[in-house]
Amino acid sequence: MKFIPKIKQIIGGKIPGILKDPKTGLTFNGPFVQDFLGNFFKGTKITKDSKPLEFVPNEQAAQQTLGLTNEYRQPTPSDYSKGLFVRYFVKDGRSGIVVEVGKEQYLRERKQNKLYRRTLKVQWYVTGELEDKVINGYIYPGIRAKNQDVINQAEEALSGISDKLLKDPTQFVRK
């Protein structure tokens, strides 16, 4: 291990998760130090003999620490009459956490313009034919295909969103 100056070491503190000893698999509750890359080690300073620790994040604790809260929103009757439901998402680049937020929090995050936060606004289809239709030899995509396309584009913009939040392309859909 290379020398790491003390200024680039963080001793102890609160972390949004737990530390495990990789050899035993048990939770580590002793003194620890973190380097500037986010790696954890046993003890109060990093030396060539320092033993690494495995960080296991607790997503709820991380969300609270980062000031992000997942907001469960549903389409209103007005959204159903329009056929579209606008959804807002924020991703913290440091932790990889993606949450769905309301319009107010989305606008606040955009205004703050933090380099480590990415925002995304999508239009989610909520009414119409669920499956694709063929009319006069032309394919007209159904809601499932349209929302799957939205999911694919959202995944490109905010990686991890399809694993955590946008799993079902038929969510909120009414015929």
Foldseek 3Di string as FASTA:
>chain_A
DDDADPVQKAKDDDDQFFKAQVVVRDTDDAIWMAGNVGWIWPDGDDDPPTGTIDTDGDLVSVCVVVVHDADDDADDVVCVVVQKDKWKWKAQQVVLDIHTDDPVVLVVCVVVPDPRMDMDIDIQGAEDAQQWDADPNDIDGHQLVVLVVRVVVVCVRRPPCCVPPVVGSNPNHDD
